[in-house]
């Protein structure tokens, strides 16, 4: 019985762009924490551009 290599699924990524006041920064950090807890990986902003 041979095993064929399976492609690893691509990582789920996210990018949060924060604009505005310090509360927006807080909200962005909170959202980032939730996404990372759900298995997402922060995307490189330079790679996304």
PDB file of N, CA and C in Angstrom:
ATOM      1  N   UNK A   1       0.848  -1.172   0.000  1.00  0.00           N
ATOM      2  CA  UNK A   1       0.000   0.000   0.000  1.00  0.00           C
ATOM      3  C   UNK A   1       0.898   1.241   0.000  1.00  0.00           C
ATOM      4  N   UNK A   2       0.688   2.088  -0.963  1.00  0.00           N
ATOM      5  CA  UNK A   2       1.506   3.293  -1.027  1.00  0.00           C
ATOM      6  C   UNK A   2       0.699   4.487  -0.541  1.00  0.00           C
ATOM      7  N   UNK A   3       1.419   5.396   0.033  1.00  0.00           N
ATOM      8  CA  UNK A   3       0.759   6.629   0.480  1.00  0.00           C
ATOM      9  C   UNK A   3       1.206   7.748  -0.429  1.00  0.00           C
ATOM     10  N   UNK A   4       0.257   8.513  -0.855  1.00  0.00           N
ATOM     11  CA  UNK A   4       0.591   9.661  -1.695  1.00  0.00           C
ATOM     12  C   UNK A   4       0.630  10.889  -0.819  1.00  0.00           C
ATOM     13  N   UNK A   5       1.615  11.725  -1.032  1.00  0.00           N
ATOM     14  CA  UNK A   5       1.685  12.941  -0.210  1.00  0.00           C
ATOM     15  C   UNK A   5       0.479  13.832  -0.494  1.00  0.00           C
ATOM     16  N   UNK A   6      -0.055  14.356   0.549  1.00  0.00           N
ATOM     17  CA  UNK A   6      -1.197  15.261   0.396  1.00  0.00           C
ATOM     18  C   UNK A   6      -0.707  16.686   0.607  1.00  0.00           C
ATOM     19  N   UNK A   7      -1.257  17.560  -0.182  1.00  0.00           N
ATOM     20  CA  UNK A   7      -0.888  18.974  -0.042  1.00  0.00           C
ATOM     21  C   UNK A   7      -1.458  19.501   1.263  1.00  0.00           C
ATOM     22  N   UNK A   8      -0.627  20.207   1.968  1.00  0.00           N
ATOM     23  CA  UNK A   8      -1.070  20.804   3.215  1.00  0.00           C
ATOM     24  C   UNK A   8      -1.963  21.998   2.893  1.00  0.00           C
ATOM     25  N   UNK A   9      -3.085  22.128   3.593  1.00  0.00           N
ATOM     26  CA  UNK A   9      -3.958  23.265   3.297  1.00  0.00           C
ATOM     27  C   UNK A   9      -3.266  24.594   3.597  1.00  0.00           C
ATOM     28  N   UNK A  10      -3.577  25.575   2.793  1.00  0.00           N
ATOM     29  CA  UNK A  10      -2.998  26.906   2.989  1.00  0.00           C
ATOM     30  C   UNK A  10      -3.482  27.484   4.311  1.00  0.00           C
ATOM     31  N   UNK A  11      -2.614  28.213   4.964  1.00  0.00           N
ATOM     32  CA  UNK A  11      -2.978  28.840   6.231  1.00  0.00           C
ATOM     33  C   UNK A  11      -4.026  29.919   5.985  1.00  0.00           C
ATOM     34  N   UNK A  12      -4.961  30.010   6.878  1.00  0.00           N
ATOM     35  CA  UNK A  12      -5.947  31.090   6.798  1.00  0.00           C
ATOM     36  C   UNK A  12      -5.285  32.324   7.380  1.00  0.00           C
ATOM     37  N   UNK A  13      -5.279  33.372   6.618  1.00  0.00           N
ATOM     38  CA  UNK A  13      -4.597  34.595   7.041  1.00  0.00           C
ATOM     39  C   UNK A  13      -5.582  35.748   7.169  1.00  0.00           C
ATOM     40  N   UNK A  14      -5.138  36.758   7.888  1.00  0.00           N
ATOM     41  CA  UNK A  14      -5.949  37.970   8.035  1.00  0.00           C
ATOM     42  C   UNK A  14      -5.030  39.177   8.074  1.00  0.00           C
ATOM     43  N   UNK A  15      -5.592  40.315   7.759  1.00  0.00           N
ATOM     44  CA  UNK A  15      -4.869  41.578   7.851  1.00  0.00           C
ATOM     45  C   UNK A  15      -5.865  42.620   8.344  1.00  0.00           C
ATOM     46  N   UNK A  16      -5.547  43.267   9.451  1.00  0.00           N
ATOM     47  CA  UNK A  16      -6.404  44.319  10.005  1.00  0.00           C
ATOM     48  C   UNK A  16      -5.686  45.643   9.807  1.00  0.00           C
ATOM     49  N   UNK A  17      -6.340  46.546   9.150  1.00  0.00           N
ATOM     50  CA  UNK A  17      -5.802  47.891   8.948  1.00  0.00           C
ATOM     51  C   UNK A  17      -6.540  48.815   9.910  1.00  0.00           C
ATOM     52  N   UNK A  18      -5.805  49.477  10.788  1.00  0.00           N
ATOM     53  CA  UNK A  18      -6.418  50.318  11.815  1.00  0.00           C
ATOM     54  C   UNK A  18      -6.281  51.787  11.438  1.00  0.00           C
ATOM     55  N   UNK A  19      -7.394  52.477  11.439  1.00  0.00           N
ATOM     56  CA  UNK A  19      -7.430  53.905  11.160  1.00  0.00           C
ATOM     57  C   UNK A  19      -8.134  54.600  12.313  1.00  0.00           C
ATOM     58  N   UNK A  20      -7.702  55.791  12.645  1.00  0.00           N
ATOM     59  CA  UNK A  20      -8.441  56.563  13.627  1.00  0.00           C
ATOM     60  C   UNK A  20      -7.828  56.570  15.014  1.00  0.00           C
ATOM     61  N   UNK A  21      -8.704  56.598  15.994  1.00  0.00           N
ATOM     62  CA  UNK A  21      -8.313  56.858  17.378  1.00  0.00           C
ATOM     63  C   UNK A  21      -7.772  55.623  18.103  1.00  0.00           C
ATOM     64  N   UNK A  22      -7.353  55.834  19.343  1.00  0.00           N
ATOM     65  CA  UNK A  22      -6.769  54.755  20.142  1.00  0.00           C
ATOM     66  C   UNK A  22      -7.765  53.649  20.442  1.00  0.00           C
ATOM     67  N   UNK A  23      -9.046  53.944  20.456  1.00  0.00           N
ATOM     68  CA  UNK A  23     -10.032  52.890  20.685  1.00  0.00           C
ATOM     69  C   UNK A  23     -10.100  51.954  19.479  1.00  0.00           C
ATOM     70  N   UNK A  24      -9.859  52.490  18.292  1.00  0.00           N
ATOM     71  CA  UNK A  24      -9.806  51.633  17.113  1.00  0.00           C
ATOM     72  C   UNK A  24      -8.625  50.681  17.205  1.00  0.00           C
ATOM     73  N   UNK A  25      -7.509  51.162  17.733  1.00  0.00           N
ATOM     74  CA  UNK A  25      -6.336  50.309  17.931  1.00  0.00           C
ATOM     75  C   UNK A  25      -6.694  49.186  18.907  1.00  0.00           C
ATOM     76  N   UNK A  26      -7.362  49.505  19.971  1.00  0.00           N
ATOM     77  CA  UNK A  26      -7.778  48.511  20.959  1.00  0.00           C
ATOM     78  C   UNK A  26      -8.697  47.476  20.313  1.00  0.00           C
ATOM     79  N   UNK A  27      -9.658  47.941  19.545  1.00  0.00           N
ATOM     80  CA  UNK A  27     -10.590  47.026  18.876  1.00  0.00           C
ATOM     81  C   UNK A  27      -9.848  46.117  17.890  1.00  0.00           C
ATOM     82  N   UNK A  28      -8.886  46.673  17.159  1.00  0.00           N
ATOM     83  CA  UNK A  28      -8.111  45.883  16.205  1.00  0.00           C
ATOM     84  C   UNK A  28      -7.304  44.807  16.911  1.00  0.00           C
ATOM     85  N   UNK A  29      -6.712  45.145  18.042  1.00  0.00           N
ATOM     86  CA  UNK A  29      -5.943  44.164  18.808  1.00  0.00           C
ATOM     87  C   UNK A  29      -6.848  43.058  19.335  1.00  0.00           C
ATOM     88  N   UNK A  30      -8.030  43.437  19.780  1.00  0.00           N
ATOM     89  CA  UNK A  30      -8.987  42.447  20.276  1.00  0.00           C
ATOM     90  C   UNK A  30      -9.415  41.510  19.142  1.00  0.00           C
ATOM     91  N   UNK A  31      -9.737  42.072  17.988  1.00  0.00           N
ATOM     92  CA  UNK A  31     -10.129  41.281  16.836  1.00  0.00           C
ATOM     93  C   UNK A  31      -8.997  40.350  16.401  1.00  0.00           C
ATOM     94  N   UNK A  32      -7.772  40.853  16.400  1.00  0.00           N
ATOM     95  CA  UNK A  32      -6.621  40.027  16.042  1.00  0.00           C
ATOM     96  C   UNK A  32      -6.486  38.829  16.980  1.00  0.00           C
ATOM     97  N   UNK A  33      -6.684  39.063  18.258  1.00  0.00           N
ATOM     98  CA  UNK A  33      -6.624  37.965  19.230  1.00  0.00           C
ATOM     99  C   UNK A  33      -7.681  36.914  18.976  1.00  0.00           C
ATOM    100  N   UNK A  34      -8.890  37.348  18.639  1.00  0.00           N
ATOM    101  CA  UNK A  34      -9.970  36.403  18.337  1.00  0.00           C
ATOM    102  C   UNK A  34      -9.655  35.585  17.087  1.00  0.00           C
ATOM    103  N   UNK A  35      -9.145  36.246  16.071  1.00  0.00           N
ATOM    104  CA  UNK A  35      -8.815  35.544  14.828  1.00  0.00           C
ATOM    105  C   UNK A  35      -7.693  34.539  15.041  1.00  0.00           C
ATOM    106  N   UNK A  36      -6.670  34.924  15.798  1.00  0.00           N
ATOM    107  CA  UNK A  36      -5.562  34.012  16.055  1.00  0.00           C
ATOM    108  C   UNK A  36      -6.017  32.821  16.893  1.00  0.00           C
ATOM    109  N   UNK A  37      -6.933  33.048  17.824  1.00  0.00           N
ATOM    110  CA  UNK A  37      -7.475  31.949  18.621  1.00  0.00           C
ATOM    111  C   UNK A  37      -8.273  30.981  17.747  1.00  0.00           C
ATOM    112  N   UNK A  38      -8.817  31.491  16.648  1.00  0.00           N
ATOM    113  CA  UNK A  38      -9.592  30.661  15.727  1.00  0.00           C
ATOM    114  C   UNK A  38      -8.699  29.983  14.678  1.00  0.00           C
ATOM    115  N   UNK A  39      -7.378  30.206  14.775  1.00  0.00           N
ATOM    116  CA  UNK A  39      -6.461  29.516  13.883  1.00  0.00           C
ATOM    117  C   UNK A  39      -5.947  30.341  12.716  1.00  0.00           C
ATOM    118  N   UNK A  40      -6.296  31.598  12.648  1.00  0.00           N
ATOM    119  CA  UNK A  40      -5.809  32.460  11.577  1.00  0.00           C
ATOM    120  C   UNK A  40      -4.394  32.933  11.886  1.00  0.00           C
ATOM    121  N   UNK A  41      -3.659  33.257  10.839  1.00  0.00           N
ATOM    122  CA  UNK A  41      -2.291  33.751  10.953  1.00  0.00           C
ATOM    123  C   UNK A  41      -2.255  35.154  10.364  1.00  0.00           C
ATOM    124  N   UNK A  42      -1.576  36.059  11.056  1.00  0.00           N
ATOM    125  CA  UNK A  42      -1.480  37.439  10.570  1.00  0.00           C
ATOM    126  C   UNK A  42      -0.691  37.472   9.262  1.00  0.00           C
ATOM    127  N   UNK A  43      -1.263  38.113   8.256  1.00  0.00           N
ATOM    128  CA  UNK A  43      -0.604  38.221   6.949  1.00  0.00           C
ATOM    129  C   UNK A  43       0.441  39.326   6.987  1.00  0.00           C
ATOM    130  N   UNK A  44       1.460  39.162   6.164  1.00  0.00           N
ATOM    131  CA  UNK A  44       2.494  40.185   6.029  1.00  0.00           C
ATOM    132  C   UNK A  44       1.927  41.303   5.159  1.00  0.00           C
ATOM    133  N   UNK A  45       1.824  42.522   5.679  1.00  0.00           N
ATOM    134  CA  UNK A  45       1.236  43.616   4.885  1.00  0.00           C
ATOM    135  C   UNK A  45       1.980  43.870   3.578  1.00  0.00           C
ATOM    136  N   UNK A  46       3.286  43.660   3.544  1.00  0.00           N
ATOM    137  CA  UNK A  46       4.056  43.870   2.318  1.00  0.00           C
ATOM    138  C   UNK A  46       3.727  42.807   1.269  1.00  0.00           C
ATOM    139  N   UNK A  47       3.452  41.593   1.727  1.00  0.00           N
ATOM    140  CA  UNK A  47       3.130  40.510   0.798  1.00  0.00           C
ATOM    141  C   UNK A  47       1.726  40.673   0.227  1.00  0.00           C
ATOM    142  N   UNK A  48       0.842  41.303   0.969  1.00  0.00           N
ATOM    143  CA  UNK A  48      -0.539  41.480   0.530  1.00  0.00           C
ATOM    144  C   UNK A  48      -0.629  42.576  -0.517  1.00  0.00           C
ATOM    145  N   UNK A  49       0.230  43.584  -0.402  1.00  0.00           N
ATOM    146  CA  UNK A  49       0.164  44.757  -1.284  1.00  0.00           C
ATOM    147  C   UNK A  49       0.421  44.456  -2.723  1.00  0.00           C
TER     148      UNK A  49
END
